[in-house]
Each structure stands twice: as C-alpha cells, then as structure tokens.
C-alpha cells in the first residue's frame, strides 16, 4: 500500500508562509461532513492521486493519505515524495469569514 506519512496540515494558531493563521475550530464542520476527500496534485481536480482521510486534533487537521496504486501518475508522485523531490502540501479552501491581523500588514508577513 502506498501511503503518505501521517501529518497535520495545517497546524492551528501558526502563521503560514502567506501570513494566514487558521483557528482551531476552522475545520470541525467540514470534516464532520467530509471525512474523506480526493488527494489532488497541484489542486487540479483532473489529477486525483488517491484519497485523504481527515480528522481534527488539538494540533491541527490530521491527514492520512492513500495513493491509487492503479494510477501511474499517482505511483510517480508517490516515488517523488519518497525521494524528497516533492516535500510540501497545501490546503485549498474557500474562506467564508476572516479577520485581518493588522490593517498595515502585507500579504506574506
């Protein structure tokens, strides 16, 4: 079975590389309704690599990934991750409500 390591994406209360902070309760309702979602490559809905099982923990959104072993593209992406050539993931989302941290703060910190 080709799996991703278990990780938290994102962690709550930390500032990400774009200057955003995600609050602890941000994913509760979504994960309750969608505990398993497609694993997309580069946010492309036409490149489904497998599935992500989601759960909310104190640290953040816990993600367990499983690649589709029958898909050659998924096998390739998994190999690139294992070799360290791909070493990050991102979360795609639509923001319903937000509060700026400071009016004079530029995007990206």
C-alpha atoms as a PDB file:
ATOM      1  CA  UNK A   1       0.000   0.000   0.000  1.00  0.00           C
ATOM      2  CA  UNK A   2       1.327   3.447  -0.914  1.00  0.00           C
ATOM      3  CA  UNK A   3       0.599   5.916   1.874  1.00  0.00           C
ATOM      4  CA  UNK A   4       1.722   9.352   2.919  1.00  0.00           C
ATOM      5  CA  UNK A   5       3.133   9.760   6.396  1.00  0.00           C
ATOM      6  CA  UNK A   6       0.508  10.927   8.899  1.00  0.00           C
ATOM      7  CA  UNK A   7       0.816  14.678   9.354  1.00  0.00           C
ATOM      8  CA  UNK A   8      -1.081  17.783  10.423  1.00  0.00           C
ATOM      9  CA  UNK A   9      -1.978  20.173   7.637  1.00  0.00           C
ATOM     10  CA  UNK A  10      -2.253  22.908   8.731  1.00  0.00           C
ATOM     11  CA  UNK A  11      -1.334  23.327  12.357  1.00  0.00           C
ATOM     12  CA  UNK A  12      -3.622  25.662  14.263  1.00  0.00           C
ATOM     13  CA  UNK A  13      -2.577  29.074  15.536  1.00  0.00           C
ATOM     14  CA  UNK A  14       0.618  29.333  13.462  1.00  0.00           C
ATOM     15  CA  UNK A  15       1.298  31.868  10.736  1.00  0.00           C
ATOM     16  CA  UNK A  16       1.764  30.190   7.346  1.00  0.00           C
ATOM     17  CA  UNK A  17       4.065  31.397   4.549  1.00  0.00           C
ATOM     18  CA  UNK A  18       1.317  33.711   3.252  1.00  0.00           C
ATOM     19  CA  UNK A  19       0.703  35.271   6.652  1.00  0.00           C
ATOM     20  CA  UNK A  20      -2.542  33.398   7.345  1.00  0.00           C
ATOM     21  CA  UNK A  21      -3.500  31.920  10.719  1.00  0.00           C
ATOM     22  CA  UNK A  22      -6.083  29.126  10.931  1.00  0.00           C
ATOM     23  CA  UNK A  23      -8.127  28.893  14.123  1.00  0.00           C
ATOM     24  CA  UNK A  24      -8.646  25.623  15.986  1.00  0.00           C
ATOM     25  CA  UNK A  25     -12.336  25.183  15.078  1.00  0.00           C
ATOM     26  CA  UNK A  26     -11.926  26.091  11.392  1.00  0.00           C
ATOM     27  CA  UNK A  27     -12.351  22.551  10.016  1.00  0.00           C
ATOM     28  CA  UNK A  28     -14.777  20.991  12.518  1.00  0.00           C
ATOM     29  CA  UNK A  29     -17.976  21.238  10.443  1.00  0.00           C
ATOM     30  CA  UNK A  30     -16.268  20.403   7.136  1.00  0.00           C
ATOM     31  CA  UNK A  31     -14.526  17.287   8.438  1.00  0.00           C
ATOM     32  CA  UNK A  32     -17.726  16.080  10.094  1.00  0.00           C
ATOM     33  CA  UNK A  33     -19.450  16.109   6.686  1.00  0.00           C
ATOM     34  CA  UNK A  34     -16.385  15.198   4.556  1.00  0.00           C
ATOM     35  CA  UNK A  35     -14.055  12.856   6.476  1.00  0.00           C
ATOM     36  CA  UNK A  36     -12.538  11.558   3.214  1.00  0.00           C
ATOM     37  CA  UNK A  37     -11.635  13.838   0.286  1.00  0.00           C
ATOM     38  CA  UNK A  38      -9.761  13.400  -3.003  1.00  0.00           C
ATOM     39  CA  UNK A  39      -5.977  13.870  -2.942  1.00  0.00           C
ATOM     40  CA  UNK A  40      -5.303  16.271  -5.816  1.00  0.00           C
ATOM     41  CA  UNK A  41      -1.968  17.013  -7.461  1.00  0.00           C
ATOM     42  CA  UNK A  42      -1.374  20.785  -7.639  1.00  0.00           C
ATOM     43  CA  UNK A  43      -5.045  21.473  -6.768  1.00  0.00           C
ATOM     44  CA  UNK A  44      -6.052  20.016 -10.169  1.00  0.00           C
ATOM     45  CA  UNK A  45      -9.398  18.193  -9.913  1.00  0.00           C
ATOM     46  CA  UNK A  46      -8.416  16.233 -13.031  1.00  0.00           C
ATOM     47  CA  UNK A  47      -5.353  14.780 -11.254  1.00  0.00           C
ATOM     48  CA  UNK A  48      -6.747  12.695  -8.410  1.00  0.00           C
ATOM     49  CA  UNK A  49      -3.838  10.761  -6.878  1.00  0.00           C
ATOM     50  CA  UNK A  50      -5.849   8.955  -4.208  1.00  0.00           C
ATOM     51  CA  UNK A  51      -7.724   9.909  -1.061  1.00  0.00           C
ATOM     52  CA  UNK A  52      -7.101  11.831   2.155  1.00  0.00           C
ATOM     53  CA  UNK A  53      -8.743  10.803   5.418  1.00  0.00           C
ATOM     54  CA  UNK A  54      -9.233  13.826   7.675  1.00  0.00           C
ATOM     55  CA  UNK A  55      -9.732  14.283  11.396  1.00  0.00           C
ATOM     56  CA  UNK A  56      -9.393  17.284  13.680  1.00  0.00           C
ATOM     57  CA  UNK A  57      -6.992  17.115  16.632  1.00  0.00           C
ATOM     58  CA  UNK A  58      -5.673  19.705  19.086  1.00  0.00           C
ATOM     59  CA  UNK A  59      -2.570  20.275  16.954  1.00  0.00           C
ATOM     60  CA  UNK A  60      -4.350  20.699  13.636  1.00  0.00           C
ATOM     61  CA  UNK A  61      -6.061  18.931  10.777  1.00  0.00           C
ATOM     62  CA  UNK A  62      -4.740  15.354  10.792  1.00  0.00           C
ATOM     63  CA  UNK A  63      -4.277  13.953   7.292  1.00  0.00           C
ATOM     64  CA  UNK A  64      -3.716  10.333   6.274  1.00  0.00           C
ATOM     65  CA  UNK A  65      -3.140   9.875   2.547  1.00  0.00           C
ATOM     66  CA  UNK A  66      -3.554   6.765   0.420  1.00  0.00           C
ATOM     67  CA  UNK A  67      -2.395   6.744  -3.212  1.00  0.00           C
ATOM     68  CA  UNK A  68      -4.215   4.954  -6.027  1.00  0.00           C
ATOM     69  CA  UNK A  69      -1.728   2.205  -6.930  1.00  0.00           C
ATOM     70  CA  UNK A  70      -3.505   1.555 -10.246  1.00  0.00           C
ATOM     71  CA  UNK A  71      -2.732   5.089 -11.492  1.00  0.00           C
ATOM     72  CA  UNK A  72       0.775   5.517 -12.997  1.00  0.00           C
ATOM     73  CA  UNK A  73       0.730   9.265 -12.217  1.00  0.00           C
ATOM     74  CA  UNK A  74      -0.042   8.547  -8.555  1.00  0.00           C
ATOM     75  CA  UNK A  75       2.768   5.974  -8.435  1.00  0.00           C
ATOM     76  CA  UNK A  76       5.152   8.596  -9.872  1.00  0.00           C
ATOM     77  CA  UNK A  77       4.083  11.301  -7.405  1.00  0.00           C
ATOM     78  CA  UNK A  78       4.471   8.847  -4.516  1.00  0.00           C
ATOM     79  CA  UNK A  79       8.002   7.989  -5.712  1.00  0.00           C
ATOM     80  CA  UNK A  80       8.911  11.692  -5.942  1.00  0.00           C
ATOM     81  CA  UNK A  81       7.711  12.231  -2.364  1.00  0.00           C
ATOM     82  CA  UNK A  82       9.726   9.252  -1.102  1.00  0.00           C
ATOM     83  CA  UNK A  83      12.864  10.615  -2.840  1.00  0.00           C
ATOM     84  CA  UNK A  84      12.330  14.075  -1.338  1.00  0.00           C
ATOM     85  CA  UNK A  85      11.770  15.752  -4.708  1.00  0.00           C
ATOM     86  CA  UNK A  86       8.276  16.780  -3.567  1.00  0.00           C
ATOM     87  CA  UNK A  87       8.288  17.859   0.062  1.00  0.00           C
ATOM     88  CA  UNK A  88       5.261  20.008   0.769  1.00  0.00           C
ATOM     89  CA  UNK A  89       1.479  20.045   0.584  1.00  0.00           C
ATOM     90  CA  UNK A  90      -1.062  22.810   0.599  1.00  0.00           C
ATOM     91  CA  UNK A  91      -4.699  23.174   1.517  1.00  0.00           C
ATOM     92  CA  UNK A  92      -7.152  24.607  -0.965  1.00  0.00           C
ATOM     93  CA  UNK A  93     -10.189  26.245   0.573  1.00  0.00           C
ATOM     94  CA  UNK A  94     -12.752  28.990   0.186  1.00  0.00           C
ATOM     95  CA  UNK A  95     -12.775  31.420   3.097  1.00  0.00           C
ATOM     96  CA  UNK A  96     -16.256  32.324   4.372  1.00  0.00           C
ATOM     97  CA  UNK A  97     -15.171  34.705   7.116  1.00  0.00           C
ATOM     98  CA  UNK A  98     -11.872  36.212   8.171  1.00  0.00           C
ATOM     99  CA  UNK A  99     -10.397  38.850  10.416  1.00  0.00           C
ATOM    100  CA  UNK A 100      -7.229  40.700   9.380  1.00  0.00           C
ATOM    101  CA  UNK A 101      -4.423  40.541  11.946  1.00  0.00           C
ATOM    102  CA  UNK A 102      -3.337  44.131  11.325  1.00  0.00           C
ATOM    103  CA  UNK A 103      -4.518  46.634   8.690  1.00  0.00           C
ATOM    104  CA  UNK A 104      -0.958  47.628   7.695  1.00  0.00           C
ATOM    105  CA  UNK A 105       0.361  44.066   7.377  1.00  0.00           C
ATOM    106  CA  UNK A 106       1.247  42.982   3.849  1.00  0.00           C
ATOM    107  CA  UNK A 107       0.401  39.572   2.422  1.00  0.00           C
ATOM    108  CA  UNK A 108       3.181  37.141   3.154  1.00  0.00           C
ATOM    109  CA  UNK A 109       4.079  38.516   6.552  1.00  0.00           C
END
